[in-house]
């Protein structure tokens, strides 16, 4: 079984690449990624300015991990790669 790790990324590239998902789901992933880029802004500091926004971002990531396999089919497993950015984590990247 192939594994797809959902984690945020930089730049305009589509973090899903060529994976065959609907335009609606691809837009949700892009919006989720833009929140990481603009609100968290890990270039400056890896800390959510509002922890609740970070919690909502983590929650949406979990929903995406649940929804992606429905479109990708049984040959791919989707796993979380974004948990280090959880505002409630004991340690965050860069600390």
Protein backbone atom coordinates (compact mmCIF):
# COMPACT_ATOMS: atom_id res chain seq x y z
CA UNK A 1 0.00 0.00 0.00
CA UNK A 2 1.32 3.45 -0.89
CA UNK A 3 1.34 6.13 1.78
CA UNK A 4 0.54 9.80 1.23
CA UNK A 5 1.63 12.12 4.03
CA UNK A 6 -0.46 15.26 4.37
CA UNK A 7 1.70 18.14 5.52
CA UNK A 8 1.88 21.82 4.67
CA UNK A 9 4.25 23.17 2.06
CA UNK A 10 5.66 26.39 0.65
CA UNK A 11 5.09 28.16 -2.60
CA UNK A 12 2.38 28.04 -5.20
CA UNK A 13 2.83 24.35 -5.97
CA UNK A 14 -0.09 22.06 -5.27
CA UNK A 15 0.84 19.94 -2.25
CA UNK A 16 -1.32 17.11 -3.62
CA UNK A 17 0.60 17.06 -6.88
CA UNK A 18 -0.96 14.80 -9.51
CA UNK A 19 -3.15 12.85 -7.09
CA UNK A 20 -6.61 12.30 -8.61
CA UNK A 21 -8.92 14.25 -6.29
CA UNK A 22 -11.91 16.47 -6.99
CA UNK A 23 -11.50 20.20 -7.49
CA UNK A 24 -13.51 20.81 -4.30
CA UNK A 25 -11.22 18.67 -2.15
CA UNK A 26 -8.11 20.12 -3.80
CA UNK A 27 -9.40 23.63 -2.95
CA UNK A 28 -9.94 22.61 0.69
CA UNK A 29 -6.34 21.35 0.89
CA UNK A 30 -5.04 24.57 -0.71
CA UNK A 31 -7.04 26.70 1.75
CA UNK A 32 -5.74 24.61 4.66
CA UNK A 33 -2.17 25.05 3.39
CA UNK A 34 -2.59 28.82 2.90
CA UNK A 35 -3.67 29.14 6.54
CA UNK A 36 -0.39 27.53 7.57
CA UNK A 37 1.58 29.83 5.26
CA UNK A 38 -0.12 33.08 6.19
CA UNK A 39 -1.42 32.75 9.74
CA UNK A 40 1.23 30.53 11.31
CA UNK A 41 3.91 32.06 9.06
CA UNK A 42 6.66 29.62 10.08
CA UNK A 43 9.31 31.76 8.40
CA UNK A 44 9.09 34.22 11.27
CA UNK A 45 8.27 31.96 14.20
CA UNK A 46 6.56 28.62 14.59
CA UNK A 47 3.84 29.68 16.95
CA UNK A 48 0.18 30.29 16.17
CA UNK A 49 -0.71 33.89 17.03
CA UNK A 50 -4.10 32.53 18.14
CA UNK A 51 -4.01 28.98 19.51
CA UNK A 52 -7.67 28.43 18.60
CA UNK A 53 -6.92 29.09 14.92
CA UNK A 54 -4.16 26.48 15.19
CA UNK A 55 -6.58 24.01 16.78
CA UNK A 56 -9.07 24.58 13.97
CA UNK A 57 -6.28 24.07 11.43
CA UNK A 58 -5.29 20.78 13.07
CA UNK A 59 -8.96 19.69 13.15
CA UNK A 60 -9.35 20.47 9.43
CA UNK A 61 -6.18 18.49 8.75
CA UNK A 62 -7.72 15.47 10.51
CA UNK A 63 -10.87 15.86 8.38
CA UNK A 64 -8.76 16.02 5.22
CA UNK A 65 -6.90 12.86 6.25
CA UNK A 66 -10.30 11.20 6.61
CA UNK A 67 -11.75 12.57 3.34
CA UNK A 68 -8.77 12.07 1.01
CA UNK A 69 -8.84 8.24 1.02
CA UNK A 70 -12.47 8.26 -0.10
CA UNK A 71 -11.35 9.86 -3.37
CA UNK A 72 -7.95 8.23 -3.70
CA UNK A 73 -9.21 4.68 -3.38
CA UNK A 74 -8.04 1.66 -1.42
CA UNK A 75 -4.48 1.60 -2.82
CA UNK A 76 -3.37 4.69 -0.88
CA UNK A 77 -3.22 5.38 2.83
CA UNK A 78 -3.23 9.01 4.00
CA UNK A 79 -1.33 9.84 7.21
CA UNK A 80 -0.86 13.03 9.21
CA UNK A 81 2.39 14.93 8.81
CA UNK A 82 1.17 18.16 10.38
CA UNK A 83 0.95 17.27 14.07
CA UNK A 84 4.23 19.05 14.94
CA UNK A 85 2.30 22.30 14.29
CA UNK A 86 -0.36 21.53 16.88
CA UNK A 87 -0.50 24.56 19.21
CA UNK A 88 -1.12 22.22 22.13
CA UNK A 89 1.91 20.03 21.43
CA UNK A 90 4.54 19.92 24.12
CA UNK A 91 7.25 20.90 21.64
CA UNK A 92 6.84 22.60 18.28
CA UNK A 93 9.30 22.64 15.38
CA UNK A 94 12.08 25.15 15.77
CA UNK A 95 11.95 25.32 19.55
